[in-house]
Structures are given as structure tokens and as C-alpha cells.
Amino acid sequence: QLVESGGGLVQPGGSLRLSCAASGFTLDSYDI
């Protein structure tokens, strides 16, 4: 299970931080 968040509307030159919350699997065995 993967849930993205953090998107939005920004002006050129601006910044955003996107998040991906992971669950349901062993993360040490995966690439994201």
C-alpha cells in the first residue's frame, strides 16, 4: 500500500515536498 500526498499549486521557482506513506510489506527488501 502506497499513499502519496503533498502536491499542489506553486509558482515557478517554488518548492514542494511530496510524501509516500508505505505499508503492507517489508521495506528493507524493496526499492521505492
PDB file of all heavy atoms in Angstrom:
ATOM      1  N   GLN A   1       0.842  -1.182   0.000  1.00  0.00           N
ATOM      2  CA  GLN A   1       0.000   0.000   0.000  1.00  0.00           C
ATOM      3  C   GLN A   1       0.885   1.242   0.000  1.00  0.00           C
ATOM      4  O   GLN A   1       1.785   1.371   0.833  1.00  0.00           O
ATOM      5  CB  GLN A   1      -0.922   0.017   1.211  1.00  0.00           C
ATOM      6  CG  GLN A   1      -1.965  -1.077   1.201  1.00  0.00           C
ATOM      7  CD  GLN A   1      -2.850  -1.040   2.427  1.00  0.00           C
ATOM      8  OE1 GLN A   1      -2.497  -1.595   3.469  1.00  0.00           O
ATOM      9  NE2 GLN A   1      -3.980  -0.378   2.309  1.00  0.00           N
ATOM     10  N   LEU A   2       0.611   2.166  -0.918  1.00  0.00           N
ATOM     11  CA  LEU A   2       1.364   3.403  -1.059  1.00  0.00           C
ATOM     12  C   LEU A   2       0.381   4.554  -1.197  1.00  0.00           C
ATOM     13  O   LEU A   2      -0.531   4.496  -2.020  1.00  0.00           O
ATOM     14  CB  LEU A   2       2.270   3.353  -2.286  1.00  0.00           C
ATOM     15  CG  LEU A   2       3.304   2.224  -2.327  1.00  0.00           C
ATOM     16  CD1 LEU A   2       3.928   2.136  -3.718  1.00  0.00           C
ATOM     17  CD2 LEU A   2       4.383   2.452  -1.281  1.00  0.00           C
ATOM     18  N   VAL A   3       0.572   5.608  -0.404  1.00  0.00           N
ATOM     19  CA  VAL A   3      -0.315   6.764  -0.413  1.00  0.00           C
ATOM     20  C   VAL A   3       0.521   8.019  -0.581  1.00  0.00           C
ATOM     21  O   VAL A   3       1.304   8.375   0.302  1.00  0.00           O
ATOM     22  CB  VAL A   3      -1.160   6.846   0.867  1.00  0.00           C
ATOM     23  CG1 VAL A   3      -2.072   8.070   0.812  1.00  0.00           C
ATOM     24  CG2 VAL A   3      -1.984   5.581   1.048  1.00  0.00           C
ATOM     25  N   GLU A   4       0.342   8.709  -1.715  1.00  0.00           N
ATOM     26  CA  GLU A   4       1.059   9.950  -1.994  1.00  0.00           C
ATOM     27  C   GLU A   4       0.284  11.144  -1.446  1.00  0.00           C
ATOM     28  O   GLU A   4      -0.946  11.149  -1.429  1.00  0.00           O
ATOM     29  CB  GLU A   4       1.268  10.145  -3.501  1.00  0.00           C
ATOM     30  CG  GLU A   4       2.059   9.046  -4.185  1.00  0.00           C
ATOM     31  CD  GLU A   4       1.176   8.005  -4.847  1.00  0.00           C
ATOM     32  OE1 GLU A   4       0.037   7.785  -4.368  1.00  0.00           O
ATOM     33  OE2 GLU A   4       1.615   7.412  -5.847  1.00  0.00           O
ATOM     34  N   SER A   5       1.027  12.179  -1.052  1.00  0.00           N
ATOM     35  CA  SER A   5       0.431  13.431  -0.625  1.00  0.00           C
ATOM     36  C   SER A   5       1.452  14.550  -0.798  1.00  0.00           C
ATOM     37  O   SER A   5       2.625  14.297  -1.057  1.00  0.00           O
ATOM     38  CB  SER A   5      -0.046  13.363   0.827  1.00  0.00           C
ATOM     39  OG  SER A   5       1.037  13.132   1.709  1.00  0.00           O
ATOM     40  N   GLY A   6       0.999  15.787  -0.666  1.00  0.00           N
ATOM     41  CA  GLY A   6       1.886  16.931  -0.694  1.00  0.00           C
ATOM     42  C   GLY A   6       1.867  17.754  -1.963  1.00  0.00           C
ATOM     43  O   GLY A   6       2.530  18.795  -2.032  1.00  0.00           O
ATOM     44  N   GLY A   7       1.138  17.320  -2.978  1.00  0.00           N
ATOM     45  CA  GLY A   7       1.058  18.086  -4.204  1.00  0.00           C
ATOM     46  C   GLY A   7       0.246  19.353  -4.030  1.00  0.00           C
ATOM     47  O   GLY A   7      -0.389  19.582  -3.001  1.00  0.00           O
ATOM     48  N   GLY A   8       0.277  20.193  -5.058  1.00  0.00           N
ATOM     49  CA  GLY A   8      -0.457  21.440  -5.014  1.00  0.00           C
ATOM     50  C   GLY A   8      -0.050  22.362  -6.128  1.00  0.00           C
ATOM     51  O   GLY A   8       0.656  21.978  -7.056  1.00  0.00           O
ATOM     52  N   LEU A   9      -0.497  23.610  -6.025  1.00  0.00           N
ATOM     53  CA  LEU A   9      -0.208  24.655  -6.998  1.00  0.00           C
ATOM     54  C   LEU A   9       0.874  25.568  -6.447  1.00  0.00           C
ATOM     55  O   LEU A   9       0.731  26.116  -5.343  1.00  0.00           O
ATOM     56  CB  LEU A   9      -1.470  25.463  -7.296  1.00  0.00           C
ATOM     57  CG  LEU A   9      -1.318  26.698  -8.177  1.00  0.00           C
ATOM     58  CD1 LEU A   9      -0.862  26.308  -9.580  1.00  0.00           C
ATOM     59  CD2 LEU A   9      -2.627  27.473  -8.227  1.00  0.00           C
ATOM     60  N   VAL A  10       1.964  25.727  -7.202  1.00  0.00           N
ATOM     61  CA  VAL A  10       3.056  26.610  -6.804  1.00  0.00           C
ATOM     62  C   VAL A  10       3.501  27.443  -7.994  1.00  0.00           C
ATOM     63  O   VAL A  10       3.304  27.066  -9.150  1.00  0.00           O
ATOM     64  CB  VAL A  10       4.258  25.831  -6.235  1.00  0.00           C
ATOM     65  CG1 VAL A  10       3.868  25.082  -4.967  1.00  0.00           C
ATOM     66  CG2 VAL A  10       4.811  24.868  -7.275  1.00  0.00           C
ATOM     67  N   GLN A  11       4.120  28.582  -7.701  1.00  0.00           N
ATOM     68  CA  GLN A  11       4.681  29.426  -8.742  1.00  0.00           C
ATOM     69  C   GLN A  11       6.040  28.901  -9.191  1.00  0.00           C
ATOM     70  O   GLN A  11       6.719  28.199  -8.440  1.00  0.00           O
ATOM     71  CB  GLN A  11       4.821  30.863  -8.238  1.00  0.00           C
ATOM     72  CG  GLN A  11       3.500  31.541  -7.925  1.00  0.00           C
ATOM     73  CD  GLN A  11       3.676  32.981  -7.504  1.00  0.00           C
ATOM     74  OE1 GLN A  11       4.787  33.444  -7.274  1.00  0.00           O
ATOM     75  NE2 GLN A  11       2.570  33.700  -7.408  1.00  0.00           N
ATOM     76  N   PRO A  12       6.448  29.222 -10.416  1.00  0.00           N
ATOM     77  CA  PRO A  12       7.801  28.848 -10.836  1.00  0.00           C
ATOM     78  C   PRO A  12       8.844  29.335  -9.836  1.00  0.00           C
ATOM     79  O   PRO A  12       8.772  30.460  -9.341  1.00  0.00           O
ATOM     80  CB  PRO A  12       7.948  29.534 -12.191  1.00  0.00           C
ATOM     81  CG  PRO A  12       6.549  29.639 -12.698  1.00  0.00           C
ATOM     82  CD  PRO A  12       5.695  29.890 -11.483  1.00  0.00           C
ATOM     83  N   GLY A  13       9.804  28.474  -9.550  1.00  0.00           N
ATOM     84  CA  GLY A  13      10.811  28.768  -8.549  1.00  0.00           C
ATOM     85  C   GLY A  13      10.451  28.334  -7.155  1.00  0.00           C
ATOM     86  O   GLY A  13      11.316  28.372  -6.259  1.00  0.00           O
ATOM     87  N   GLY A  14       9.223  27.906  -6.948  1.00  0.00           N
ATOM     88  CA  GLY A  14       8.777  27.472  -5.642  1.00  0.00           C
ATOM     89  C   GLY A  14       9.201  26.058  -5.309  1.00  0.00           C
ATOM     90  O   GLY A  14       9.873  25.383  -6.089  1.00  0.00           O
ATOM     91  N   SER A  15       8.778  25.599  -4.126  1.00  0.00           N
ATOM     92  CA  SER A  15       9.165  24.293  -3.613  1.00  0.00           C
ATOM     93  C   SER A  15       7.955  23.528  -3.099  1.00  0.00           C
ATOM     94  O   SER A  15       6.969  24.118  -2.644  1.00  0.00           O
ATOM     95  CB  SER A  15      10.170  24.435  -2.463  1.00  0.00           C
ATOM     96  OG  SER A  15      11.373  25.047  -2.895  1.00  0.00           O
ATOM     97  N   LEU A  16       8.048  22.207  -3.163  1.00  0.00           N
ATOM     98  CA  LEU A  16       7.082  21.300  -2.573  1.00  0.00           C
ATOM     99  C   LEU A  16       7.820  20.095  -2.029  1.00  0.00           C
ATOM    100  O   LEU A  16       8.882  19.731  -2.541  1.00  0.00           O
ATOM    101  CB  LEU A  16       6.049  20.818  -3.592  1.00  0.00           C
ATOM    102  CG  LEU A  16       4.939  21.767  -4.033  1.00  0.00           C
ATOM    103  CD1 LEU A  16       4.161  21.127  -5.179  1.00  0.00           C
ATOM    104  CD2 LEU A  16       4.015  22.092  -2.877  1.00  0.00           C
ATOM    105  N   ARG A  17       7.249  19.461  -1.008  1.00  0.00           N
ATOM    106  CA  ARG A  17       7.742  18.179  -0.536  1.00  0.00           C
ATOM    107  C   ARG A  17       6.616  17.160  -0.624  1.00  0.00           C
ATOM    108  O   ARG A  17       5.596  17.290   0.058  1.00  0.00           O
ATOM    109  CB  ARG A  17       8.266  18.247   0.898  1.00  0.00           C
ATOM    110  CG  ARG A  17       8.984  16.954   1.309  1.00  0.00           C
ATOM    111  CD  ARG A  17       9.547  16.992   2.706  1.00  0.00           C
ATOM    112  NE  ARG A  17       8.502  16.882   3.722  1.00  0.00           N
ATOM    113  CZ  ARG A  17       8.731  16.564   4.988  1.00  0.00           C
ATOM    114  NH1 ARG A  17       9.972  16.324   5.397  1.00  0.00           N
ATOM    115  NH2 ARG A  17       7.727  16.508   5.843  1.00  0.00           N
ATOM    116  N   LEU A  18       6.816  16.155  -1.463  1.00  0.00           N
ATOM    117  CA  LEU A  18       5.862  15.074  -1.603  1.00  0.00           C
ATOM    118  C   LEU A  18       6.192  13.958  -0.622  1.00  0.00           C
ATOM    119  O   LEU A  18       7.357  13.699  -0.329  1.00  0.00           O
ATOM    120  CB  LEU A  18       5.875  14.519  -3.024  1.00  0.00           C
ATOM    121  CG  LEU A  18       5.693  15.533  -4.163  1.00  0.00           C
ATOM    122  CD1 LEU A  18       5.645  14.799  -5.499  1.00  0.00           C
ATOM    123  CD2 LEU A  18       4.444  16.371  -3.955  1.00  0.00           C
ATOM    124  N   SER A  19       5.153  13.279  -0.141  1.00  0.00           N
ATOM    125  CA  SER A  19       5.307  12.170   0.781  1.00  0.00           C
ATOM    126  C   SER A  19       4.672  10.919   0.202  1.00  0.00           C
ATOM    127  O   SER A  19       3.636  10.988  -0.463  1.00  0.00           O
ATOM    128  CB  SER A  19       4.651  12.478   2.131  1.00  0.00           C
ATOM    129  OG  SER A  19       5.252  13.594   2.757  1.00  0.00           O
ATOM    130  N   CYS A  20       5.291   9.784   0.463  1.00  0.00           N
ATOM    131  CA  CYS A  20       4.766   8.478   0.074  1.00  0.00           C
ATOM    132  C   CYS A  20       4.786   7.591   1.305  1.00  0.00           C
ATOM    133  O   CYS A  20       5.855   7.147   1.730  1.00  0.00           O
ATOM    134  CB  CYS A  20       5.606   7.879  -1.054  1.00  0.00           C
ATOM    135  SG  CYS A  20       5.152   6.196  -1.517  1.00  0.00           S
ATOM    136  N   ALA A  21       3.620   7.364   1.878  1.00  0.00           N
ATOM    137  CA  ALA A  21       3.497   6.521   3.062  1.00  0.00           C
ATOM    138  C   ALA A  21       3.321   5.076   2.637  1.00  0.00           C
ATOM    139  O   ALA A  21       2.411   4.757   1.870  1.00  0.00           O
ATOM    140  CB  ALA A  21       2.317   6.979   3.909  1.00  0.00           C
ATOM    141  N   ALA A  22       4.186   4.203   3.140  1.00  0.00           N
ATOM    142  CA  ALA A  22       4.223   2.804   2.728  1.00  0.00           C
ATOM    143  C   ALA A  22       3.775   1.893   3.854  1.00  0.00           C
ATOM    144  O   ALA A  22       4.070   2.130   5.029  1.00  0.00           O
ATOM    145  CB  ALA A  22       5.632   2.418   2.288  1.00  0.00           C
ATOM    146  N   SER A  23       3.077   0.825   3.491  1.00  0.00           N
ATOM    147  CA  SER A  23       2.663  -0.176   4.455  1.00  0.00           C
ATOM    148  C   SER A  23       2.385  -1.483   3.732  1.00  0.00           C
ATOM    149  O   SER A  23       2.242  -1.517   2.511  1.00  0.00           O
ATOM    150  CB  SER A  23       1.420   0.271   5.240  1.00  0.00           C
ATOM    151  OG  SER A  23       0.311   0.447   4.377  1.00  0.00           O
ATOM    152  N   GLY A  24       2.309  -2.571   4.501  1.00  0.00           N
ATOM    153  CA  GLY A  24       1.919  -3.853   3.960  1.00  0.00           C
ATOM    154  C   GLY A  24       3.039  -4.702   3.401  1.00  0.00           C
ATOM    155  O   GLY A  24       2.758  -5.759   2.822  1.00  0.00           O
ATOM    156  N   PHE A  25       4.286  -4.275   3.579  1.00  0.00           N
ATOM    157  CA  PHE A  25       5.411  -5.043   3.076  1.00  0.00           C
ATOM    158  C   PHE A  25       6.666  -4.695   3.854  1.00  0.00           C
ATOM    159  O   PHE A  25       6.705  -3.697   4.581  1.00  0.00           O
ATOM    160  CB  PHE A  25       5.611  -4.830   1.578  1.00  0.00           C
ATOM    161  CG  PHE A  25       5.919  -3.406   1.198  1.00  0.00           C
ATOM    162  CD1 PHE A  25       7.218  -3.013   0.918  1.00  0.00           C
ATOM    163  CD2 PHE A  25       4.913  -2.458   1.105  1.00  0.00           C
ATOM    164  CE1 PHE A  25       7.505  -1.701   0.551  1.00  0.00           C
ATOM    165  CE2 PHE A  25       5.185  -1.144   0.743  1.00  0.00           C
ATOM    166  CZ  PHE A  25       6.486  -0.770   0.465  1.00  0.00           C
ATOM    167  N   THR A  26       7.697  -5.520   3.686  1.00  0.00           N
ATOM    168  CA  THR A  26       8.965  -5.327   4.379  1.00  0.00           C
ATOM    169  C   THR A  26       9.827  -4.364   3.576  1.00  0.00           C
ATOM    170  O   THR A  26      10.391  -4.729   2.540  1.00  0.00           O
ATOM    171  CB  THR A  26       9.686  -6.667   4.575  1.00  0.00           C
ATOM    172  OG1 THR A  26       8.848  -7.557   5.320  1.00  0.00           O
ATOM    173  CG2 THR A  26      10.994  -6.464   5.328  1.00  0.00           C
ATOM    174  N   LEU A  27       9.947  -3.126   4.066  1.00  0.00           N
ATOM    175  CA  LEU A  27      10.606  -2.088   3.278  1.00  0.00           C
ATOM    176  C   LEU A  27      12.073  -2.375   3.024  1.00  0.00           C
ATOM    177  O   LEU A  27      12.606  -1.965   1.985  1.00  0.00           O
ATOM    178  CB  LEU A  27      10.440  -0.724   3.955  1.00  0.00           C
ATOM    179  CG  LEU A  27       9.176   0.054   3.582  1.00  0.00           C
ATOM    180  CD1 LEU A  27       7.914  -0.651   4.047  1.00  0.00           C
ATOM    181  CD2 LEU A  27       9.234   1.471   4.132  1.00  0.00           C
ATOM    182  N   ASP A  28      12.753  -3.065   3.932  1.00  0.00           N
ATOM    183  CA  ASP A  28      14.168  -3.362   3.752  1.00  0.00           C
ATOM    184  C   ASP A  28      14.434  -4.204   2.511  1.00  0.00           C
ATOM    185  O   ASP A  28      15.560  -4.224   2.015  1.00  0.00           O
ATOM    186  CB  ASP A  28      14.721  -4.090   4.974  1.00  0.00           C
ATOM    187  CG  ASP A  28      15.031  -3.160   6.128  1.00  0.00           C
ATOM    188  OD1 ASP A  28      15.064  -1.930   5.922  1.00  0.00           O
ATOM    189  OD2 ASP A  28      15.253  -3.673   7.242  1.00  0.00           O
ATOM    190  N   SER A  29      13.420  -4.881   2.008  1.00  0.00           N
ATOM    191  CA  SER A  29      13.570  -5.736   0.832  1.00  0.00           C
ATOM    192  C   SER A  29      13.159  -5.043  -0.466  1.00  0.00           C
ATOM    193  O   SER A  29      13.163  -5.680  -1.519  1.00  0.00           O
ATOM    194  CB  SER A  29      12.754  -7.018   1.000  1.00  0.00           C
ATOM    195  OG  SER A  29      13.173  -7.748   2.138  1.00  0.00           O
ATOM    196  N   TYR A  30      12.821  -3.754  -0.400  1.00  0.00           N
ATOM    197  CA  TYR A  30      12.241  -3.055  -1.543  1.00  0.00           C
ATOM    198  C   TYR A  30      13.024  -1.809  -1.937  1.00  0.00           C
ATOM    199  O   TYR A  30      13.745  -1.212  -1.132  1.00  0.00           O
ATOM    200  CB  TYR A  30      10.804  -2.631  -1.216  1.00  0.00           C
ATOM    201  CG  TYR A  30       9.785  -3.715  -1.448  1.00  0.00           C
ATOM    202  CD1 TYR A  30       9.693  -4.797  -0.585  1.00  0.00           C
ATOM    203  CD2 TYR A  30       8.918  -3.651  -2.526  1.00  0.00           C
ATOM    204  CE1 TYR A  30       8.763  -5.796  -0.796  1.00  0.00           C
ATOM    205  CE2 TYR A  30       7.981  -4.644  -2.744  1.00  0.00           C
ATOM    206  CZ  TYR A  30       7.905  -5.711  -1.876  1.00  0.00           C
ATOM    207  OH  TYR A  30       6.979  -6.700  -2.083  1.00  0.00           O
ATOM    208  N   ASP A  31      12.848  -1.422  -3.194  1.00  0.00           N
ATOM    209  CA  ASP A  31      13.198  -0.093  -3.679  1.00  0.00           C
ATOM    210  C   ASP A  31      11.906   0.693  -3.890  1.00  0.00           C
ATOM    211  O   ASP A  31      10.883   0.128  -4.288  1.00  0.00           O
ATOM    212  CB  ASP A  31      13.977  -0.168  -4.986  1.00  0.00           C
ATOM    213  CG  ASP A  31      15.326  -0.840  -4.829  1.00  0.00           C
ATOM    214  OD1 ASP A  31      15.928  -0.732  -3.749  1.00  0.00           O
ATOM    215  OD2 ASP A  31      15.786  -1.474  -5.806  1.00  0.00           O
ATOM    216  N   ILE A  32      11.962   2.001  -3.615  1.00  0.00           N
ATOM    217  CA  ILE A  32      10.820   2.887  -3.768  1.00  0.00           C
ATOM    218  C   ILE A  32      11.189   3.965  -4.773  1.00  0.00           C
ATOM    219  O   ILE A  32      12.301   4.495  -4.739  1.00  0.00           O
ATOM    220  CB  ILE A  32      10.417   3.538  -2.436  1.00  0.00           C
ATOM    221  CG1 ILE A  32      10.296   2.491  -1.317  1.00  0.00           C
ATOM    222  CG2 ILE A  32       9.117   4.315  -2.598  1.00  0.00           C
ATOM    223  CD1 ILE A  32       9.194   1.489  -1.512  1.00  0.00           C
TER     224      ILE A  32
END
